[in-house]
Structures are given as structure tokens and as C-alpha cells.
């Protein structure tokens, strides 16, 4: 565990003022897993390592970005386990 696992929130309205970074990571993983599975992807464990596969037919609808920023196409990624990241 890192020396400092606390995030102090000054500007994000939908988050508490103070929370654990580990809790934030867990929340992001849960939301991501839900989206992957909802779009026909799958999750499996092999040899104690958790893997996700994203369906080639999955769609992604990006929200409007303030300031007119441009979001590029998705990157091509090789399959990895969470441990590799």
C-alpha cells in the first residue's frame, strides 16, 4: 500500500471530500467491468490472474467534452492481465 492512500477532493462535485485512492480504483474497475460485460465482453480468471476480453462489436459513446476538445480513435492494445499494468 502506498504511503499516502488519501485523495482530498476540492473540485469534484459527485465525490466525497476525502477518500481512499484504493477505493477510487476499486470503483473505476467495477464500472469498467460492468461496461465490458454489458457490451458482450467477458471476464475470466486463469492461474490466479484476472482477464477481461472486450467484444469487437462493443460500442463506445463518449460524452461531450467541455471546451470542444477532440477525442481520438481507440488505441490498439494487446491483451494483458491486471498485474501487467
Protein backbone atom coordinates (compact mmCIF):
# COMPACT_ATOMS: atom_id res chain seq x y z
CA UNK A 1 0.00 0.00 0.00
CA UNK A 2 1.31 3.48 -0.82
CA UNK A 3 2.48 5.79 1.95
CA UNK A 4 -0.40 8.15 1.23
CA UNK A 5 -3.63 6.48 0.11
CA UNK A 6 -5.84 9.53 0.65
CA UNK A 7 -7.32 11.75 -2.03
CA UNK A 8 -8.53 15.17 -0.90
CA UNK A 9 -11.23 16.38 -3.24
CA UNK A 10 -11.55 20.11 -3.86
CA UNK A 11 -13.47 20.24 -7.13
CA UNK A 12 -15.31 17.01 -7.99
CA UNK A 13 -18.94 17.51 -7.01
CA UNK A 14 -20.03 13.86 -7.13
CA UNK A 15 -17.26 12.54 -4.88
CA UNK A 16 -16.71 12.85 -1.13
CA UNK A 17 -14.27 15.47 0.17
CA UNK A 18 -11.78 12.84 1.31
CA UNK A 19 -11.47 9.19 0.33
CA UNK A 20 -9.04 6.35 -0.28
CA UNK A 21 -7.30 6.16 -3.66
CA UNK A 22 -7.64 2.39 -3.39
CA UNK A 23 -11.43 2.83 -3.07
CA UNK A 24 -11.44 5.05 -6.17
CA UNK A 25 -9.52 2.41 -8.15
CA UNK A 26 -11.97 -0.28 -6.99
CA UNK A 27 -14.89 1.93 -8.11
CA UNK A 28 -13.33 2.51 -11.56
CA UNK A 29 -12.68 -1.24 -12.01
CA UNK A 30 -16.30 -2.06 -11.04
CA UNK A 31 -17.72 0.50 -13.51
CA UNK A 32 -15.37 -0.68 -16.26
CA UNK A 33 -16.21 -4.34 -15.68
CA UNK A 34 -19.93 -3.56 -15.81
CA UNK A 35 -19.49 -1.74 -19.14
CA UNK A 36 -17.36 -4.55 -20.65
CA UNK A 37 -19.88 -7.23 -19.68
CA UNK A 38 -22.87 -5.12 -20.79
CA UNK A 39 -21.35 -4.85 -24.28
CA UNK A 40 -20.84 -8.60 -24.68
CA UNK A 41 -17.34 -8.88 -23.26
CA UNK A 42 -16.26 -11.45 -20.75
CA UNK A 43 -14.22 -11.86 -17.60
CA UNK A 44 -12.26 -14.94 -16.59
CA UNK A 45 -9.57 -15.99 -14.19
CA UNK A 46 -6.71 -18.27 -15.14
CA UNK A 47 -3.86 -19.23 -12.88
CA UNK A 48 -4.95 -16.67 -10.32
CA UNK A 49 -4.84 -13.82 -12.88
CA UNK A 50 -7.99 -11.89 -13.82
CA UNK A 51 -8.55 -11.18 -17.53
CA UNK A 52 -11.12 -9.15 -19.47
CA UNK A 53 -11.97 -9.51 -23.13
CA UNK A 54 -13.74 -6.66 -24.92
CA UNK A 55 -16.12 -7.71 -27.67
CA UNK A 56 -15.14 -6.47 -31.15
CA UNK A 57 -18.80 -5.47 -31.58
CA UNK A 58 -18.75 -3.26 -28.48
CA UNK A 59 -19.73 0.35 -28.97
CA UNK A 60 -18.46 3.39 -27.16
CA UNK A 61 -20.38 6.62 -26.87
CA UNK A 62 -18.24 9.39 -25.50
CA UNK A 63 -19.79 12.25 -23.55
CA UNK A 64 -19.44 15.81 -24.78
CA UNK A 65 -16.06 17.20 -23.78
CA UNK A 66 -16.07 20.75 -22.39
CA UNK A 67 -14.12 23.25 -24.47
CA UNK A 68 -14.53 21.32 -27.70
CA UNK A 69 -11.59 19.00 -27.09
CA UNK A 70 -11.12 16.29 -29.70
CA UNK A 71 -11.02 12.66 -28.63
CA UNK A 72 -9.03 10.41 -30.95
CA UNK A 73 -9.78 6.85 -32.05
CA UNK A 74 -9.21 3.99 -29.60
CA UNK A 75 -5.69 2.62 -29.37
CA UNK A 76 -4.87 -0.92 -30.42
CA UNK A 77 -3.91 -2.81 -27.26
CA UNK A 78 -2.56 -6.28 -26.69
CA UNK A 79 -4.40 -8.41 -24.09
CA UNK A 80 -2.88 -8.01 -20.64
CA UNK A 81 -3.63 -9.07 -17.15
CA UNK A 82 -4.27 -6.51 -14.43
CA UNK A 83 -0.92 -7.49 -12.93
CA UNK A 84 0.92 -6.40 -16.11
CA UNK A 85 -0.36 -2.84 -15.80
